[in-house]
Full PDB file with SEQRES, HELIX, SHEET, SSBOND, CRYST1, ORIGX, SCALE, CONECT and MASTER records, all heavy atoms in Angstrom:
SEQRES   1 A   44  LEU ASN LYS ASN ASN PRO ASN VAL ALA SER TYR ILE HIS          
SEQRES   2 A   44  ALA GLY ASN GLY SER LEU VAL THR GLN HIS SER GLU ALA          
SEQRES   3 A   44  VAL ALA ASN ALA ILE ILE ASP GLY GLY LEU LYS TYR MET          
SEQRES   4 A   44  ARG GLY PHE ALA LEU                                          
HELIX    1 AA1 GLY A   17  GLN A   22  1                                   6    
HELIX    2 AA2 SER A   24  ASP A   33  1                                  10    
HELIX    3 AA3 LEU A   36  TYR A   38  5                                   3    
SHEET    1 AA1 2 TYR A  11  HIS A  13  0                                        
SHEET    2 AA1 2 GLY A  41  ALA A  43  1                                        
CRYST1    1.000    1.000    1.000  90.00  90.00  90.00 P 1           1          
ORIGX1      1.000000  0.000000  0.000000        0.00000                         
ORIGX2      0.000000  1.000000  0.000000        0.00000                         
ORIGX3      0.000000  0.000000  1.000000        0.00000                         
SCALE1      1.000000  0.000000  0.000000        0.00000                         
SCALE2      0.000000  1.000000  0.000000        0.00000                         
SCALE3      0.000000  0.000000  1.000000        0.00000                         
ATOM      1  N   LEU A   1      -4.064  12.025   5.656  1.00  0.00           N  
ATOM      2  CA  LEU A   1      -5.431  11.654   5.251  1.00  0.00           C  
ATOM      3  C   LEU A   1      -6.102  10.786   6.321  1.00  0.00           C  
ATOM      4  O   LEU A   1      -7.294  10.956   6.589  1.00  0.00           O  
ATOM      5  CB  LEU A   1      -5.381  10.896   3.904  1.00  0.00           C  
ATOM      6  CG  LEU A   1      -4.916  11.716   2.711  1.00  0.00           C  
ATOM      7  CD1 LEU A   1      -4.765  10.823   1.487  1.00  0.00           C  
ATOM      8  CD2 LEU A   1      -5.873  12.863   2.403  1.00  0.00           C  
ATOM      9  N   ASN A   2      -5.337   9.908   6.906  1.00  0.00           N  
ATOM     10  CA  ASN A   2      -5.887   9.046   7.958  1.00  0.00           C  
ATOM     11  C   ASN A   2      -6.318   9.811   9.168  1.00  0.00           C  
ATOM     12  O   ASN A   2      -7.350   9.530   9.792  1.00  0.00           O  
ATOM     13  CB  ASN A   2      -4.827   7.984   8.357  1.00  0.00           C  
ATOM     14  CG  ASN A   2      -5.368   6.981   9.352  1.00  0.00           C  
ATOM     15  OD1 ASN A   2      -6.354   6.315   9.097  1.00  0.00           O  
ATOM     16  ND2 ASN A   2      -4.685   6.849  10.496  1.00  0.00           N  
ATOM     17  N   LYS A   3      -5.559  10.844   9.523  1.00  0.00           N  
ATOM     18  CA  LYS A   3      -5.835  11.635  10.702  1.00  0.00           C  
ATOM     19  C   LYS A   3      -6.948  12.649  10.497  1.00  0.00           C  
ATOM     20  O   LYS A   3      -7.800  12.837  11.365  1.00  0.00           O  
ATOM     21  CB  LYS A   3      -4.563  12.352  11.156  1.00  0.00           C  
ATOM     22  CG  LYS A   3      -4.722  13.219  12.391  1.00  0.00           C  
ATOM     23  CD  LYS A   3      -3.382  13.856  12.757  1.00  0.00           C  
ATOM     24  CE  LYS A   3      -3.543  14.753  14.002  1.00  0.00           C  
ATOM     25  NZ  LYS A   3      -2.254  15.410  14.371  1.00  0.00           N  
ATOM     26  N   ASN A   4      -6.979  13.306   9.342  1.00  0.00           N  
ATOM     27  CA  ASN A   4      -7.849  14.458   9.132  1.00  0.00           C  
ATOM     28  C   ASN A   4      -9.072  14.183   8.258  1.00  0.00           C  
ATOM     29  O   ASN A   4      -9.962  15.028   8.181  1.00  0.00           O  
ATOM     30  CB  ASN A   4      -7.083  15.626   8.542  1.00  0.00           C  
ATOM     31  CG  ASN A   4      -6.023  16.176   9.462  1.00  0.00           C  
ATOM     32  OD1 ASN A   4      -6.009  15.879  10.662  1.00  0.00           O  
ATOM     33  ND2 ASN A   4      -5.075  16.933   8.920  1.00  0.00           N  
ATOM     34  N   ASN A   5      -9.074  13.087   7.548  1.00  0.00           N  
ATOM     35  CA  ASN A   5     -10.135  12.833   6.570  1.00  0.00           C  
ATOM     36  C   ASN A   5     -10.766  11.463   6.788  1.00  0.00           C  
ATOM     37  O   ASN A   5     -10.432  10.491   6.145  1.00  0.00           O  
ATOM     38  CB  ASN A   5      -9.540  12.917   5.146  1.00  0.00           C  
ATOM     39  CG  ASN A   5      -8.754  14.231   4.900  1.00  0.00           C  
ATOM     40  OD1 ASN A   5      -7.542  14.280   5.048  1.00  0.00           O  
ATOM     41  ND2 ASN A   5      -9.513  15.290   4.608  1.00  0.00           N  
ATOM     42  N   PRO A   6     -11.701  11.387   7.722  1.00  0.00           N  
ATOM     43  CA  PRO A   6     -12.253  10.124   8.167  1.00  0.00           C  
ATOM     44  C   PRO A   6     -13.065   9.381   7.113  1.00  0.00           C  
ATOM     45  O   PRO A   6     -13.295   8.184   7.236  1.00  0.00           O  
ATOM     46  CB  PRO A   6     -13.136  10.486   9.353  1.00  0.00           C  
ATOM     47  CG  PRO A   6     -13.496  11.951   9.114  1.00  0.00           C  
ATOM     48  CD  PRO A   6     -12.264  12.524   8.487  1.00  0.00           C  
ATOM     49  N   ASN A   7     -13.516  10.094   6.082  1.00  0.00           N  
ATOM     50  CA  ASN A   7     -14.321   9.455   5.035  1.00  0.00           C  
ATOM     51  C   ASN A   7     -13.553   9.159   3.771  1.00  0.00           C  
ATOM     52  O   ASN A   7     -14.139   8.907   2.710  1.00  0.00           O  
ATOM     53  CB  ASN A   7     -15.532  10.333   4.752  1.00  0.00           C  
ATOM     54  CG  ASN A   7     -16.442  10.445   5.949  1.00  0.00           C  
ATOM     55  OD1 ASN A   7     -16.681   9.470   6.670  1.00  0.00           O  
ATOM     56  ND2 ASN A   7     -16.931  11.666   6.228  1.00  0.00           N  
ATOM     57  N   VAL A   8     -12.223   9.142   3.873  1.00  0.00           N  
ATOM     58  CA  VAL A   8     -11.320   8.787   2.770  1.00  0.00           C  
ATOM     59  C   VAL A   8     -10.843   7.370   2.963  1.00  0.00           C  
ATOM     60  O   VAL A   8     -10.458   6.978   4.052  1.00  0.00           O  
ATOM     61  CB  VAL A   8     -10.148   9.767   2.681  1.00  0.00           C  
ATOM     62  CG1 VAL A   8      -9.007   9.175   1.848  1.00  0.00           C  
ATOM     63  CG2 VAL A   8     -10.581  11.097   2.102  1.00  0.00           C  
ATOM     64  N   ALA A   9     -10.876   6.607   1.873  1.00  0.00           N  
ATOM     65  CA  ALA A   9     -10.215   5.282   1.831  1.00  0.00           C  
ATOM     66  C   ALA A   9      -8.989   5.442   0.946  1.00  0.00           C  
ATOM     67  O   ALA A   9      -9.140   5.755  -0.264  1.00  0.00           O  
ATOM     68  CB  ALA A   9     -11.152   4.229   1.255  1.00  0.00           C  
ATOM     69  N   SER A  10      -7.801   5.256   1.501  1.00  0.00           N  
ATOM     70  CA  SER A  10      -6.562   5.481   0.714  1.00  0.00           C  
ATOM     71  C   SER A  10      -5.827   4.167   0.474  1.00  0.00           C  
ATOM     72  O   SER A  10      -5.871   3.228   1.270  1.00  0.00           O  
ATOM     73  CB  SER A  10      -5.660   6.487   1.450  1.00  0.00           C  
ATOM     74  OG  SER A  10      -5.196   5.939   2.665  1.00  0.00           O  
ATOM     75  N   TYR A  11      -5.126   4.149  -0.667  1.00  0.00           N  
ATOM     76  CA  TYR A  11      -4.422   2.964  -1.124  1.00  0.00           C  
ATOM     77  C   TYR A  11      -3.064   3.379  -1.728  1.00  0.00           C  
ATOM     78  O   TYR A  11      -2.999   4.335  -2.512  1.00  0.00           O  
ATOM     79  CB  TYR A  11      -5.226   2.202  -2.186  1.00  0.00           C  
ATOM     80  CG  TYR A  11      -6.584   1.810  -1.739  1.00  0.00           C  
ATOM     81  CD1 TYR A  11      -7.656   2.703  -1.815  1.00  0.00           C  
ATOM     82  CD2 TYR A  11      -6.847   0.549  -1.206  1.00  0.00           C  
ATOM     83  CE1 TYR A  11      -8.967   2.369  -1.379  1.00  0.00           C  
ATOM     84  CE2 TYR A  11      -8.116   0.191  -0.783  1.00  0.00           C  
ATOM     85  CZ  TYR A  11      -9.166   1.105  -0.872  1.00  0.00           C  
ATOM     86  OH  TYR A  11     -10.432   0.768  -0.424  1.00  0.00           O  
ATOM     87  N   ILE A  12      -2.040   2.654  -1.397  1.00  0.00           N  
ATOM     88  CA  ILE A  12      -0.714   2.934  -1.999  1.00  0.00           C  
ATOM     89  C   ILE A  12      -0.554   1.995  -3.197  1.00  0.00           C  
ATOM     90  O   ILE A  12      -0.905   0.828  -3.168  1.00  0.00           O  
ATOM     91  CB  ILE A  12       0.426   2.721  -0.957  1.00  0.00           C  
ATOM     92  CG1 ILE A  12       1.762   3.174  -1.576  1.00  0.00           C  
ATOM     93  CG2 ILE A  12       0.508   1.266  -0.489  1.00  0.00           C  
ATOM     94  CD1 ILE A  12       2.878   3.241  -0.509  1.00  0.00           C  
ATOM     95  N   HIS A  13       0.016   2.549  -4.262  1.00  0.00           N  
ATOM     96  CA  HIS A  13       0.208   1.753  -5.454  1.00  0.00           C  
ATOM     97  C   HIS A  13       1.317   0.734  -5.216  1.00  0.00           C  
ATOM     98  O   HIS A  13       2.416   1.078  -4.779  1.00  0.00           O  
ATOM     99  CB  HIS A  13       0.582   2.648  -6.615  1.00  0.00           C  
ATOM    100  CG  HIS A  13       0.823   1.913  -7.904  1.00  0.00           C  
ATOM    101  ND1 HIS A  13       1.886   2.171  -8.713  1.00  0.00           N  
ATOM    102  CD2 HIS A  13       0.149   0.889  -8.479  1.00  0.00           C  
ATOM    103  CE1 HIS A  13       1.840   1.358  -9.764  1.00  0.00           C  
ATOM    104  NE2 HIS A  13       0.786   0.572  -9.625  1.00  0.00           N  
ATOM    105  N   ALA A  14       1.030  -0.527  -5.515  1.00  0.00           N  
ATOM    106  CA  ALA A  14       2.009  -1.607  -5.229  1.00  0.00           C  
ATOM    107  C   ALA A  14       2.447  -2.345  -6.503  1.00  0.00           C  
ATOM    108  O   ALA A  14       2.965  -3.451  -6.408  1.00  0.00           O  
ATOM    109  CB  ALA A  14       1.392  -2.602  -4.257  1.00  0.00           C  
ATOM    110  N   GLY A  15       2.240  -1.751  -7.680  1.00  0.00           N  
ATOM    111  CA  GLY A  15       2.683  -2.412  -8.902  1.00  0.00           C  
ATOM    112  C   GLY A  15       1.567  -3.220  -9.543  1.00  0.00           C  
ATOM    113  O   GLY A  15       0.477  -2.738  -9.759  1.00  0.00           O  
ATOM    114  N   ASN A  16       1.857  -4.483  -9.808  1.00  0.00           N  
ATOM    115  CA  ASN A  16       0.867  -5.338 -10.467  1.00  0.00           C  
ATOM    116  C   ASN A  16       0.935  -6.740  -9.878  1.00  0.00           C  
ATOM    117  O   ASN A  16       1.826  -7.037  -9.051  1.00  0.00           O  
ATOM    118  CB  ASN A  16       1.117  -5.355 -11.981  1.00  0.00           C  
ATOM    119  CG  ASN A  16       2.542  -5.767 -12.345  1.00  0.00           C  
ATOM    120  OD1 ASN A  16       2.988  -6.828 -11.971  1.00  0.00           O  
ATOM    121  ND2 ASN A  16       3.257  -4.916 -13.029  1.00  0.00           N  
ATOM    122  N   GLY A  17       0.031  -7.575 -10.333  1.00  0.00           N  
ATOM    123  CA  GLY A  17      -0.064  -8.943  -9.788  1.00  0.00           C  
ATOM    124  C   GLY A  17       1.200  -9.742  -9.923  1.00  0.00           C  
ATOM    125  O   GLY A  17       1.592 -10.510  -9.057  1.00  0.00           O  
ATOM    126  N   SER A  18       1.878  -9.563 -11.046  1.00  0.00           N  
ATOM    127  CA  SER A  18       3.134 -10.292 -11.257  1.00  0.00           C  
ATOM    128  C   SER A  18       4.231  -9.795 -10.289  1.00  0.00           C  
ATOM    129  O   SER A  18       4.937 -10.607  -9.700  1.00  0.00           O  
ATOM    130  CB  SER A  18       3.585 -10.071 -12.738  1.00  0.00           C  
ATOM    131  OG  SER A  18       4.836 -10.662 -12.942  1.00  0.00           O  
ATOM    132  N   LEU A  19       4.312  -8.497 -10.140  1.00  0.00           N  
ATOM    133  CA  LEU A  19       5.338  -7.946  -9.259  1.00  0.00           C  
ATOM    134  C   LEU A  19       5.170  -8.376  -7.800  1.00  0.00           C  
ATOM    135  O   LEU A  19       6.103  -8.783  -7.146  1.00  0.00           O  
ATOM    136  CB  LEU A  19       5.301  -6.425  -9.338  1.00  0.00           C  
ATOM    137  CG  LEU A  19       6.508  -5.676  -8.764  1.00  0.00           C  
ATOM    138  CD1 LEU A  19       7.730  -5.864  -9.610  1.00  0.00           C  
ATOM    139  CD2 LEU A  19       6.187  -4.187  -8.633  1.00  0.00           C  
ATOM    140  N   VAL A  20       3.904  -8.299  -7.298  1.00  0.00           N  
ATOM    141  CA  VAL A  20       3.697  -8.655  -5.882  1.00  0.00           C  
ATOM    142  C   VAL A  20       3.805 -10.137  -5.669  1.00  0.00           C  
ATOM    143  O   VAL A  20       3.996 -10.585  -4.526  1.00  0.00           O  
ATOM    144  CB  VAL A  20       2.342  -8.131  -5.377  1.00  0.00           C  
ATOM    145  CG1 VAL A  20       2.279  -6.608  -5.455  1.00  0.00           C  
ATOM    146  CG2 VAL A  20       1.168  -8.762  -6.126  1.00  0.00           C  
ATOM    147  N   THR A  21       3.720 -10.933  -6.730  1.00  0.00           N  
ATOM    148  CA  THR A  21       3.869 -12.400  -6.583  1.00  0.00           C  
ATOM    149  C   THR A  21       5.341 -12.764  -6.626  1.00  0.00           C  
ATOM    150  O   THR A  21       5.813 -13.560  -5.821  1.00  0.00           O  
ATOM    151  CB  THR A  21       3.117 -13.097  -7.693  1.00  0.00           C  
ATOM    152  OG1 THR A  21       1.705 -12.831  -7.597  1.00  0.00           O  
ATOM    153  CG2 THR A  21       3.328 -14.617  -7.616  1.00  0.00           C  
ATOM    154  N   GLN A  22       6.072 -12.237  -7.575  1.00  0.00           N  
ATOM    155  CA  GLN A  22       7.458 -12.586  -7.758  1.00  0.00           C  
ATOM    156  C   GLN A  22       8.424 -11.892  -6.808  1.00  0.00           C  
ATOM    157  O   GLN A  22       9.535 -12.392  -6.551  1.00  0.00           O  
ATOM    158  CB  GLN A  22       7.885 -12.300  -9.206  1.00  0.00           C  
ATOM    159  CG  GLN A  22       7.099 -13.112 -10.246  1.00  0.00           C  
ATOM    160  CD  GLN A  22       7.449 -12.703 -11.676  1.00  0.00           C  
ATOM    161  OE1 GLN A  22       8.500 -12.113 -11.943  1.00  0.00           O  
ATOM    162  NE2 GLN A  22       6.560 -13.015 -12.607  1.00  0.00           N  
ATOM    163  N   HIS A  23       8.033 -10.750  -6.301  1.00  0.00           N  
ATOM    164  CA  HIS A  23       8.910  -9.969  -5.389  1.00  0.00           C  
ATOM    165  C   HIS A  23       8.138  -9.528  -4.157  1.00  0.00           C  
ATOM    166  O   HIS A  23       8.168  -8.356  -3.793  1.00  0.00           O  
ATOM    167  CB  HIS A  23       9.482  -8.759  -6.154  1.00  0.00           C  
ATOM    168  CG  HIS A  23      10.185  -9.097  -7.424  1.00  0.00           C  
ATOM    169  ND1 HIS A  23      11.481  -9.595  -7.438  1.00  0.00           N  
ATOM    170  CD2 HIS A  23       9.804  -9.055  -8.715  1.00  0.00           C  
ATOM    171  CE1 HIS A  23      11.834  -9.833  -8.687  1.00  0.00           C  
ATOM    172  NE2 HIS A  23      10.826  -9.492  -9.467  1.00  0.00           N  
ATOM    173  N   SER A  24       7.480 -10.478  -3.542  1.00  0.00           N  
ATOM    174  CA  SER A  24       6.581 -10.139  -2.406  1.00  0.00           C  
ATOM    175  C   SER A  24       7.330  -9.401  -1.301  1.00  0.00           C  
ATOM    176  O   SER A  24       6.807  -8.413  -0.740  1.00  0.00           O  
ATOM    177  CB  SER A  24       5.960 -11.420  -1.861  1.00  0.00           C  
ATOM    178  OG  SER A  24       5.260 -12.118  -2.832  1.00  0.00           O  
ATOM    179  N   GLU A  25       8.493  -9.891  -0.917  1.00  0.00           N  
ATOM    180  CA  GLU A  25       9.205  -9.307   0.187  1.00  0.00           C  
ATOM    181  C   GLU A  25       9.632  -7.841  -0.118  1.00  0.00           C  
ATOM    182  O   GLU A  25       9.441  -6.948   0.714  1.00  0.00           O  
ATOM    183  CB  GLU A  25      10.460 -10.102   0.506  1.00  0.00           C  
ATOM    184  CG  GLU A  25      11.353  -9.530   1.593  1.00  0.00           C  
ATOM    185  CD  GLU A  25      10.828  -9.684   2.994  1.00  0.00           C  
ATOM    186  OE1 GLU A  25       9.777 -10.352   3.167  1.00  0.00           O  
ATOM    187  OE2 GLU A  25      11.389  -9.083   3.930  1.00  0.00           O  
ATOM    188  N   ALA A  26      10.157  -7.638  -1.313  1.00  0.00           N  
ATOM    189  CA  ALA A  26      10.610  -6.279  -1.681  1.00  0.00           C  
ATOM    190  C   ALA A  26       9.452  -5.304  -1.737  1.00  0.00           C  
ATOM    191  O   ALA A  26       9.504  -4.173  -1.249  1.00  0.00           O  
ATOM    192  CB  ALA A  26      11.342  -6.316  -2.991  1.00  0.00           C  
ATOM    193  N   VAL A  27       8.328  -5.732  -2.340  1.00  0.00           N  
ATOM    194  CA  VAL A  27       7.167  -4.832  -2.463  1.00  0.00           C  
ATOM    195  C   VAL A  27       6.540  -4.605  -1.073  1.00  0.00           C  
ATOM    196  O   VAL A  27       6.164  -3.468  -0.758  1.00  0.00           O  
ATOM    197  CB  VAL A  27       6.143  -5.395  -3.444  1.00  0.00           C  
ATOM    198  CG1 VAL A  27       4.923  -4.480  -3.507  1.00  0.00           C  
ATOM    199  CG2 VAL A  27       6.745  -5.557  -4.852  1.00  0.00           C  
ATOM    200  N   ALA A  28       6.472  -5.630  -0.307  1.00  0.00           N  
ATOM    201  CA  ALA A  28       5.911  -5.474   1.060  1.00  0.00           C  
ATOM    202  C   ALA A  28       6.705  -4.467   1.881  1.00  0.00           C  
ATOM    203  O   ALA A  28       6.156  -3.557   2.507  1.00  0.00           O  
ATOM    204  CB  ALA A  28       5.882  -6.825   1.773  1.00  0.00           C  
ATOM    205  N   ASN A  29       8.061  -4.606   1.863  1.00  0.00           N  
ATOM    206  CA  ASN A  29       8.877  -3.632   2.567  1.00  0.00           C  
ATOM    207  C   ASN A  29       8.642  -2.228   2.047  1.00  0.00           C  
ATOM    208  O   ASN A  29       8.602  -1.263   2.815  1.00  0.00           O  
ATOM    209  CB  ASN A  29      10.343  -4.031   2.445  1.00  0.00           C  
ATOM    210  CG  ASN A  29      10.698  -5.239   3.292  1.00  0.00           C  
ATOM    211  OD1 ASN A  29      10.028  -5.578   4.237  1.00  0.00           O  
ATOM    212  ND2 ASN A  29      11.769  -5.909   2.905  1.00  0.00           N  
ATOM    213  N   ALA A  30       8.536  -2.083   0.734  1.00  0.00           N  
ATOM    214  CA  ALA A  30       8.403  -0.805   0.106  1.00  0.00           C  
ATOM    215  C   ALA A  30       7.110  -0.108   0.538  1.00  0.00           C  
ATOM    216  O   ALA A  30       7.104   1.082   0.879  1.00  0.00           O  
ATOM    217  CB  ALA A  30       8.430  -0.919  -1.423  1.00  0.00           C  
ATOM    218  N   ILE A  31       6.008  -0.837   0.569  1.00  0.00           N  
ATOM    219  CA  ILE A  31       4.713  -0.186   0.935  1.00  0.00           C  
ATOM    220  C   ILE A  31       4.580  -0.036   2.439  1.00  0.00           C  
ATOM    221  O   ILE A  31       3.940   0.912   2.910  1.00  0.00           O  
ATOM    222  CB  ILE A  31       3.505  -0.900   0.306  1.00  0.00           C  
ATOM    223  CG1 ILE A  31       3.316  -2.280   0.881  1.00  0.00           C  
ATOM    224  CG2 ILE A  31       3.617  -0.919  -1.203  1.00  0.00           C  
ATOM    225  CD1 ILE A  31       1.993  -2.937   0.429  1.00  0.00           C  
ATOM    226  N   ILE A  32       5.198  -0.926   3.181  1.00  0.00           N  
ATOM    227  CA  ILE A  32       5.208  -0.758   4.661  1.00  0.00           C  
ATOM    228  C   ILE A  32       5.985   0.461   5.027  1.00  0.00           C  
ATOM    229  O   ILE A  32       5.546   1.316   5.835  1.00  0.00           O  
ATOM    230  CB  ILE A  32       5.768  -2.015   5.334  1.00  0.00           C  
ATOM    231  CG1 ILE A  32       4.775  -3.186   5.202  1.00  0.00           C  
ATOM    232  CG2 ILE A  32       6.037  -1.754   6.830  1.00  0.00           C  
ATOM    233  CD1 ILE A  32       5.363  -4.532   5.609  1.00  0.00           C  
ATOM    234  N   ASP A  33       7.172   0.609   4.420  1.00  0.00           N  
ATOM    235  CA  ASP A  33       7.984   1.806   4.697  1.00  0.00           C  
ATOM    236  C   ASP A  33       7.236   3.065   4.219  1.00  0.00           C  
ATOM    237  O   ASP A  33       7.480   4.156   4.766  1.00  0.00           O  
ATOM    238  CB  ASP A  33       9.331   1.701   3.953  1.00  0.00           C  
ATOM    239  CG  ASP A  33      10.215   0.599   4.471  1.00  0.00           C  
ATOM    240  OD1 ASP A  33       9.938   0.111   5.621  1.00  0.00           O  
ATOM    241  OD2 ASP A  33      11.161   0.177   3.790  1.00  0.00           O  
ATOM    242  N   GLY A  34       6.399   2.920   3.187  1.00  0.00           N  
ATOM    243  CA  GLY A  34       5.657   4.057   2.635  1.00  0.00           C  
ATOM    244  C   GLY A  34       4.359   4.388   3.374  1.00  0.00           C  
ATOM    245  O   GLY A  34       3.568   5.177   2.877  1.00  0.00           O  
ATOM    246  N   GLY A  35       4.132   3.756   4.522  1.00  0.00           N  
ATOM    247  CA  GLY A  35       2.995   4.140   5.330  1.00  0.00           C  
ATOM    248  C   GLY A  35       1.754   3.293   5.214  1.00  0.00           C  
ATOM    249  O   GLY A  35       0.628   3.734   5.473  1.00  0.00           O  
ATOM    250  N   LEU A  36       1.909   2.030   4.884  1.00  0.00           N  
ATOM    251  CA  LEU A  36       0.757   1.152   4.758  1.00  0.00           C  
ATOM    252  C   LEU A  36      -0.101   1.151   6.006  1.00  0.00           C  
ATOM    253  O   LEU A  36      -1.326   1.034   5.947  1.00  0.00           O  
ATOM    254  CB  LEU A  36       1.238  -0.300   4.426  1.00  0.00           C  
ATOM    255  CG  LEU A  36       0.116  -1.350   4.324  1.00  0.00           C  
ATOM    256  CD1 LEU A  36      -0.846  -1.031   3.168  1.00  0.00           C  
ATOM    257  CD2 LEU A  36       0.722  -2.770   4.167  1.00  0.00           C  
ATOM    258  N   LYS A  37       0.522   1.307   7.160  1.00  0.00           N  
ATOM    259  CA  LYS A  37      -0.236   1.217   8.408  1.00  0.00           C  
ATOM    260  C   LYS A  37      -1.315   2.294   8.531  1.00  0.00           C  
ATOM    261  O   LYS A  37      -2.246   2.187   9.325  1.00  0.00           O  
ATOM    262  CB  LYS A  37       0.705   1.297   9.597  1.00  0.00           C  
ATOM    263  CG  LYS A  37       1.396   2.634   9.778  1.00  0.00           C  
ATOM    264  CD  LYS A  37       2.347   2.570  10.982  1.00  0.00           C  
ATOM    265  CE  LYS A  37       3.065   3.897  11.179  1.00  0.00           C  
ATOM    266  NZ  LYS A  37       4.002   3.813  12.302  1.00  0.00           N  
ATOM    267  N   TYR A  38      -1.199   3.357   7.718  1.00  0.00           N  
ATOM    268  CA  TYR A  38      -2.173   4.444   7.764  1.00  0.00           C  
ATOM    269  C   TYR A  38      -3.256   4.293   6.669  1.00  0.00           C  
ATOM    270  O   TYR A  38      -4.138   5.133   6.594  1.00  0.00           O  
ATOM    271  CB  TYR A  38      -1.488   5.775   7.583  1.00  0.00           C  
ATOM    272  CG  TYR A  38      -0.418   6.080   8.635  1.00  0.00           C  
ATOM    273  CD1 TYR A  38       0.892   6.219   8.271  1.00  0.00           C  
ATOM    274  CD2 TYR A  38      -0.787   6.231   9.974  1.00  0.00           C  
ATOM    275  CE1 TYR A  38       1.897   6.501   9.230  1.00  0.00           C  
ATOM    276  CE2 TYR A  38       0.174   6.511  10.945  1.00  0.00           C  
ATOM    277  CZ  TYR A  38       1.510   6.628  10.561  1.00  0.00           C  
ATOM    278  OH  TYR A  38       2.477   6.885  11.515  1.00  0.00           O  
ATOM    279  N   MET A  39      -3.140   3.262   5.884  1.00  0.00           N  
ATOM    280  CA  MET A  39      -4.051   3.131   4.718  1.00  0.00           C  
ATOM    281  C   MET A  39      -4.981   1.954   4.801  1.00  0.00           C  
ATOM    282  O   MET A  39      -4.773   1.006   5.598  1.00  0.00           O  
ATOM    283  CB  MET A  39      -3.205   3.040   3.450  1.00  0.00           C  
ATOM    284  CG  MET A  39      -2.241   4.204   3.243  1.00  0.00           C  
ATOM    285  SD  MET A  39      -1.301   4.020   1.683  1.00  0.00           S  
ATOM    286  CE  MET A  39       0.311   4.569   2.219  1.00  0.00           C  
ATOM    287  N   ARG A  40      -5.967   1.996   3.966  1.00  0.00           N  
ATOM    288  CA  ARG A  40      -6.880   0.850   3.831  1.00  0.00           C  
ATOM    289  C   ARG A  40      -6.182  -0.337   3.172  1.00  0.00           C  
ATOM    290  O   ARG A  40      -6.474  -1.493   3.456  1.00  0.00           O  
ATOM    291  CB  ARG A  40      -8.075   1.299   2.981  1.00  0.00           C  
ATOM    292  CG  ARG A  40      -9.039   0.213   2.556  1.00  0.00           C  
ATOM    293  CD  ARG A  40      -9.921  -0.268   3.693  1.00  0.00           C  
ATOM    294  NE  ARG A  40     -10.914  -1.224   3.191  1.00  0.00           N  
ATOM    295  CZ  ARG A  40     -11.723  -1.907   3.991  1.00  0.00           C  
ATOM    296  NH1 ARG A  40     -11.694  -1.734   5.297  1.00  0.00           N  
ATOM    297  NH2 ARG A  40     -12.598  -2.763   3.483  1.00  0.00           N  
ATOM    298  N   GLY A  41      -5.243  -0.049   2.258  1.00  0.00           N  
ATOM    299  CA  GLY A  41      -4.542  -1.152   1.585  1.00  0.00           C  
ATOM    300  C   GLY A  41      -3.738  -0.647   0.404  1.00  0.00           C  
ATOM    301  O   GLY A  41      -3.088   0.403   0.451  1.00  0.00           O  
ATOM    302  N   PHE A  42      -3.772  -1.404  -0.688  1.00  0.00           N  
ATOM    303  CA  PHE A  42      -2.929  -1.107  -1.828  1.00  0.00           C  
ATOM    304  C   PHE A  42      -3.737  -1.140  -3.136  1.00  0.00           C  
ATOM    305  O   PHE A  42      -4.834  -1.703  -3.185  1.00  0.00           O  
ATOM    306  CB  PHE A  42      -1.745  -2.093  -1.915  1.00  0.00           C  
ATOM    307  CG  PHE A  42      -2.119  -3.509  -2.042  1.00  0.00           C  
ATOM    308  CD1 PHE A  42      -2.288  -4.146  -3.283  1.00  0.00           C  
ATOM    309  CD2 PHE A  42      -2.347  -4.312  -0.908  1.00  0.00           C  
ATOM    310  CE1 PHE A  42      -2.658  -5.463  -3.396  1.00  0.00           C  
ATOM    311  CE2 PHE A  42      -2.695  -5.640  -0.998  1.00  0.00           C  
ATOM    312  CZ  PHE A  42      -2.864  -6.230  -2.240  1.00  0.00           C  
ATOM    313  N   ALA A  43      -3.166  -0.605  -4.175  1.00  0.00           N  
ATOM    314  CA  ALA A  43      -3.776  -0.574  -5.506  1.00  0.00           C  
ATOM    315  C   ALA A  43      -2.849  -1.322  -6.490  1.00  0.00           C  
ATOM    316  O   ALA A  43      -1.636  -1.207  -6.406  1.00  0.00           O  
ATOM    317  CB  ALA A  43      -4.000   0.845  -6.006  1.00  0.00           C  
ATOM    318  N   LEU A  44      -3.422  -2.108  -7.396  1.00  0.00           N  
ATOM    319  CA  LEU A  44      -2.646  -2.809  -8.397  1.00  0.00           C  
ATOM    320  C   LEU A  44      -3.092  -2.418  -9.815  1.00  0.00           C  
ATOM    321  O   LEU A  44      -4.227  -1.980 -10.019  1.00  0.00           O  
ATOM    322  CB  LEU A  44      -2.849  -4.329  -8.272  1.00  0.00           C  
ATOM    323  CG  LEU A  44      -2.182  -5.066  -7.106  1.00  0.00           C  
ATOM    324  CD1 LEU A  44      -2.300  -6.577  -7.312  1.00  0.00           C  
ATOM    325  CD2 LEU A  44      -0.729  -4.649  -6.909  1.00  0.00           C  
TER     326      LEU A  44                                                      
MASTER        0    0    0    3    2    0    0    6  325    1    0    4          
END                                                                             
């Protein structure tokens, strides 16, 4: 999507506010491994 669809804003699902607060390292690794560098960000 990042390469072929310039007018798309994409987000990877990262759980919820509680999860990203209590398990920041685990969730961060999970979404980084899942291609965060190609996305606008994450969805909660």
